[in-house]
Amino acid sequence: MSYEDIPLVNNEAIHNFELVVEGHRAFIDYKQKGDKVYLIHTEVPAELKGKGVAEAIVEKTFIYMEERGLKLVPLCVYVGMYLKRHPEWNRLLA
């Protein structure tokens, strides 16, 4: 399934990058200090498990960060695994 047409939302009030798929909200919890973004936790609802939503939200978050010149501090286990599978994104590491 492709999620290209679903926009990533930066919900700054609660420090979440959000993706709403099929009426369900997936998110990455983050903290930002200066130009460093600490990705803390990725959560995908059970209804969306196995549909590639976690991968989509991480990739969209990386694109968002790169477009704004932000640096990545990966604290989330899933984000760390994603980086191992996609080392081209290591360019964002703080």
C-alpha atoms as a PDB file:
ATOM      1  CA  MET A   1       0.000   0.000   0.000  1.00  0.00           C
ATOM      2  CA  SER A   2       1.260   3.492  -0.855  1.00  0.00           C
ATOM      3  CA  TYR A   3       0.965   6.375   1.570  1.00  0.00           C
ATOM      4  CA  GLU A   4       2.436   9.075  -0.680  1.00  0.00           C
ATOM      5  CA  ASP A   5      -0.825  11.054  -0.795  1.00  0.00           C
ATOM      6  CA  ILE A   6      -1.292  11.092   2.990  1.00  0.00           C
ATOM      7  CA  PRO A   7       0.335  14.166   4.521  1.00  0.00           C
ATOM      8  CA  LEU A   8       2.611  13.990   7.529  1.00  0.00           C
ATOM      9  CA  VAL A   9       1.410  16.317  10.276  1.00  0.00           C
ATOM     10  CA  ASN A  10       3.813  17.873  12.758  1.00  0.00           C
ATOM     11  CA  ASN A  11       1.599  18.246  15.828  1.00  0.00           C
ATOM     12  CA  GLU A  12       3.956  20.561  17.691  1.00  0.00           C
ATOM     13  CA  ALA A  13       1.584  20.968  20.653  1.00  0.00           C
ATOM     14  CA  ILE A  14       2.076  17.317  21.673  1.00  0.00           C
ATOM     15  CA  HIS A  15       5.447  16.697  19.957  1.00  0.00           C
ATOM     16  CA  ASN A  16       4.158  14.081  17.503  1.00  0.00           C
ATOM     17  CA  PHE A  17       4.693  13.497  13.824  1.00  0.00           C
ATOM     18  CA  GLU A  18       1.356  11.999  12.766  1.00  0.00           C
ATOM     19  CA  LEU A  19      -0.030   9.988   9.882  1.00  0.00           C
ATOM     20  CA  VAL A  20      -3.753   9.199   9.753  1.00  0.00           C
ATOM     21  CA  VAL A  21      -4.450   6.040   7.756  1.00  0.00           C
ATOM     22  CA  GLU A  22      -7.912   4.498   7.387  1.00  0.00           C
ATOM     23  CA  GLY A  23      -9.112   6.711  10.251  1.00  0.00           C
ATOM     24  CA  HIS A  24      -6.369   5.526  12.623  1.00  0.00           C
ATOM     25  CA  ARG A  25      -3.554   7.727  13.948  1.00  0.00           C
ATOM     26  CA  ALA A  26       0.040   6.501  13.842  1.00  0.00           C
ATOM     27  CA  PHE A  27       2.700   8.731  15.364  1.00  0.00           C
ATOM     28  CA  ILE A  28       6.312   9.285  16.288  1.00  0.00           C
ATOM     29  CA  ASP A  29       6.851  10.980  19.635  1.00  0.00           C
ATOM     30  CA  TYR A  30       9.718  13.474  19.518  1.00  0.00           C
ATOM     31  CA  LYS A  31      11.523  16.238  21.359  1.00  0.00           C
ATOM     32  CA  GLN A  32      13.368  19.041  19.595  1.00  0.00           C
ATOM     33  CA  LYS A  33      16.307  21.041  20.906  1.00  0.00           C
ATOM     34  CA  GLY A  34      17.672  23.547  18.421  1.00  0.00           C
ATOM     35  CA  ASP A  35      18.223  21.773  15.121  1.00  0.00           C
ATOM     36  CA  LYS A  36      18.269  18.295  16.733  1.00  0.00           C
ATOM     37  CA  VAL A  37      15.149  16.141  16.720  1.00  0.00           C
ATOM     38  CA  TYR A  38      15.089  13.227  19.149  1.00  0.00           C
ATOM     39  CA  LEU A  39      12.753  10.532  17.798  1.00  0.00           C
ATOM     40  CA  ILE A  40      11.621   8.750  20.957  1.00  0.00           C
ATOM     41  CA  HIS A  41       8.868   6.284  20.103  1.00  0.00           C
ATOM     42  CA  THR A  42       6.953   5.103  17.041  1.00  0.00           C
ATOM     43  CA  GLU A  43       3.438   3.800  17.534  1.00  0.00           C
ATOM     44  CA  VAL A  44       1.088   2.235  14.999  1.00  0.00           C
ATOM     45  CA  PRO A  45      -2.429   1.088  15.981  1.00  0.00           C
ATOM     46  CA  ALA A  46      -3.130  -2.652  15.852  1.00  0.00           C
ATOM     47  CA  GLU A  47      -5.544  -2.068  12.951  1.00  0.00           C
ATOM     48  CA  LEU A  48      -2.644  -0.874  10.794  1.00  0.00           C
ATOM     49  CA  LYS A  49       0.037  -3.403  11.785  1.00  0.00           C
ATOM     50  CA  GLY A  50       1.728  -5.146   8.868  1.00  0.00           C
ATOM     51  CA  LYS A  51       0.618  -2.532   6.318  1.00  0.00           C
ATOM     52  CA  GLY A  52       3.893  -0.595   6.067  1.00  0.00           C
ATOM     53  CA  VAL A  53       2.614   2.379   8.067  1.00  0.00           C
ATOM     54  CA  ALA A  54       5.586   2.511  10.454  1.00  0.00           C
ATOM     55  CA  GLU A  55       8.015   2.541   7.535  1.00  0.00           C
ATOM     56  CA  ALA A  56       5.977   5.242   5.789  1.00  0.00           C
ATOM     57  CA  ILE A  57       5.833   7.541   8.803  1.00  0.00           C
ATOM     58  CA  VAL A  58       9.574   7.195   9.461  1.00  0.00           C
ATOM     59  CA  GLU A  59      10.427   7.958   5.834  1.00  0.00           C
ATOM     60  CA  LYS A  60       8.061  10.943   5.742  1.00  0.00           C
ATOM     61  CA  THR A  61       9.556  12.217   9.005  1.00  0.00           C
ATOM     62  CA  PHE A  62      13.095  11.928   7.591  1.00  0.00           C
ATOM     63  CA  ILE A  63      12.052  13.844   4.458  1.00  0.00           C
ATOM     64  CA  TYR A  64      10.411  16.517   6.629  1.00  0.00           C
ATOM     65  CA  MET A  65      13.579  16.844   8.721  1.00  0.00           C
ATOM     66  CA  GLU A  66      15.899  16.957   5.726  1.00  0.00           C
ATOM     67  CA  GLU A  67      13.827  19.667   4.016  1.00  0.00           C
ATOM     68  CA  ARG A  68      14.211  21.820   7.147  1.00  0.00           C
ATOM     69  CA  GLY A  69      17.908  21.133   7.802  1.00  0.00           C
ATOM     70  CA  LEU A  70      17.208  19.252  11.038  1.00  0.00           C
ATOM     71  CA  LYS A  71      19.492  16.610  12.544  1.00  0.00           C
ATOM     72  CA  LEU A  72      18.357  13.204  13.802  1.00  0.00           C
ATOM     73  CA  VAL A  73      18.944  11.625  17.191  1.00  0.00           C
ATOM     74  CA  PRO A  74      17.324   8.157  16.959  1.00  0.00           C
ATOM     75  CA  LEU A  75      16.204   6.962  20.388  1.00  0.00           C
ATOM     76  CA  CYS A  76      13.337   4.814  19.061  1.00  0.00           C
ATOM     77  CA  VAL A  77      14.184   1.145  18.461  1.00  0.00           C
ATOM     78  CA  TYR A  78      12.127   1.029  15.251  1.00  0.00           C
ATOM     79  CA  VAL A  79      13.834   4.143  13.856  1.00  0.00           C
ATOM     80  CA  GLY A  80      17.204   2.505  14.593  1.00  0.00           C
ATOM     81  CA  MET A  81      16.150  -0.646  12.728  1.00  0.00           C
ATOM     82  CA  TYR A  82      14.919   1.461   9.810  1.00  0.00           C
ATOM     83  CA  LEU A  83      18.313   3.192   9.607  1.00  0.00           C
ATOM     84  CA  LYS A  84      20.063  -0.190   9.443  1.00  0.00           C
ATOM     85  CA  ARG A  85      17.885  -1.166   6.471  1.00  0.00           C
ATOM     86  CA  HIS A  86      18.209   2.278   4.835  1.00  0.00           C
ATOM     87  CA  PRO A  87      21.746   3.542   5.618  1.00  0.00           C
ATOM     88  CA  GLU A  88      21.355   6.336   3.045  1.00  0.00           C
ATOM     89  CA  TRP A  89      19.429   8.231   5.761  1.00  0.00           C
ATOM     90  CA  ASN A  90      22.469   8.218   8.081  1.00  0.00           C
ATOM     91  CA  ARG A  91      23.214  11.603   6.507  1.00  0.00           C
ATOM     92  CA  LEU A  92      20.658  13.058   8.935  1.00  0.00           C
ATOM     93  CA  LEU A  93      22.412  11.806  12.070  1.00  0.00           C
ATOM     94  CA  ALA A  94      23.488  14.499  14.535  1.00  0.00           C
END
